[in-house]
Amino acid sequence: MADFIEGIIPDFIFQNWTNLEQIYMEASGLSGPIPSINATLENLEYM
């Protein structure tokens, strides 16, 4: 059994993650465009 998420990345996914510093989505099973990222993710260093 694999531990991964699959489907389309929802537009609201980053709204509540204001302290997010890194996100790795390589080979995650997610599809579709990356949602618009605005200034609420000012701590994001790597994506």
C-alpha atoms as a PDB file:
ATOM      1  CA  MET A   1       0.000   0.000   0.000  1.00  0.00           C
ATOM      2  CA  ALA A   2       1.392   3.380  -1.014  1.00  0.00           C
ATOM      3  CA  ASP A   3       1.187   6.465   1.173  1.00  0.00           C
ATOM      4  CA  PHE A   4       0.355   9.257  -1.214  1.00  0.00           C
ATOM      5  CA  ILE A   5      -2.352  11.743  -2.057  1.00  0.00           C
ATOM      6  CA  GLU A   6      -3.887  11.840  -5.481  1.00  0.00           C
ATOM      7  CA  GLY A   7      -6.209  14.219  -7.300  1.00  0.00           C
ATOM      8  CA  ILE A   8      -6.336  17.866  -8.248  1.00  0.00           C
ATOM      9  CA  ILE A   9      -4.704  20.444  -5.973  1.00  0.00           C
ATOM     10  CA  PRO A  10      -7.580  22.577  -4.600  1.00  0.00           C
ATOM     11  CA  ASP A  11      -7.307  26.376  -4.858  1.00  0.00           C
ATOM     12  CA  PHE A  12      -7.698  26.843  -1.089  1.00  0.00           C
ATOM     13  CA  ILE A  13      -4.889  24.448  -0.113  1.00  0.00           C
ATOM     14  CA  PHE A  14      -2.333  27.120   0.885  1.00  0.00           C
ATOM     15  CA  GLN A  15      -4.714  29.580   2.594  1.00  0.00           C
ATOM     16  CA  ASN A  16      -4.346  28.142   6.109  1.00  0.00           C
ATOM     17  CA  TRP A  17      -0.692  27.166   5.843  1.00  0.00           C
ATOM     18  CA  THR A  18       0.740  30.623   6.525  1.00  0.00           C
ATOM     19  CA  ASN A  19       3.870  29.235   8.265  1.00  0.00           C
ATOM     20  CA  LEU A  20       4.646  26.714   5.512  1.00  0.00           C
ATOM     21  CA  GLU A  21       8.378  26.744   4.720  1.00  0.00           C
ATOM     22  CA  GLN A  22       8.792  23.807   2.324  1.00  0.00           C
ATOM     23  CA  ILE A  23       6.529  21.562   0.294  1.00  0.00           C
ATOM     24  CA  TYR A  24       7.566  18.533  -1.726  1.00  0.00           C
ATOM     25  CA  MET A  25       5.048  17.245  -4.246  1.00  0.00           C
ATOM     26  CA  GLU A  26       7.325  15.119  -6.425  1.00  0.00           C
ATOM     27  CA  ALA A  27       5.665  11.817  -7.359  1.00  0.00           C
ATOM     28  CA  SER A  28       2.764  12.636  -5.030  1.00  0.00           C
ATOM     29  CA  GLY A  29      -0.039  11.677  -7.381  1.00  0.00           C
ATOM     30  CA  LEU A  30      -1.380  15.243  -7.407  1.00  0.00           C
ATOM     31  CA  SER A  31      -2.381  16.706 -10.738  1.00  0.00           C
ATOM     32  CA  GLY A  32      -3.434  19.969 -12.306  1.00  0.00           C
ATOM     33  CA  PRO A  33      -1.994  23.458 -12.040  1.00  0.00           C
ATOM     34  CA  ILE A  34      -0.401  24.743  -8.846  1.00  0.00           C
ATOM     35  CA  PRO A  35      -2.871  27.160  -7.210  1.00  0.00           C
ATOM     36  CA  SER A  36      -2.030  30.836  -7.128  1.00  0.00           C
ATOM     37  CA  ILE A  37       0.268  31.591  -4.193  1.00  0.00           C
ATOM     38  CA  ASN A  38      -0.042  35.039  -2.703  1.00  0.00           C
ATOM     39  CA  ALA A  39       1.776  36.965   0.044  1.00  0.00           C
ATOM     40  CA  THR A  40       0.270  34.784   2.803  1.00  0.00           C
ATOM     41  CA  LEU A  41       3.134  32.324   2.212  1.00  0.00           C
ATOM     42  CA  GLU A  42       5.960  34.709   3.002  1.00  0.00           C
ATOM     43  CA  ASN A  43       7.856  31.922   4.850  1.00  0.00           C
ATOM     44  CA  LEU A  44       7.878  29.593   1.827  1.00  0.00           C
ATOM     45  CA  GLU A  45      11.496  28.864   0.883  1.00  0.00           C
ATOM     46  CA  TYR A  46      11.203  25.764  -1.315  1.00  0.00           C
ATOM     47  CA  MET A  47       8.518  24.258  -3.480  1.00  0.00           C
END
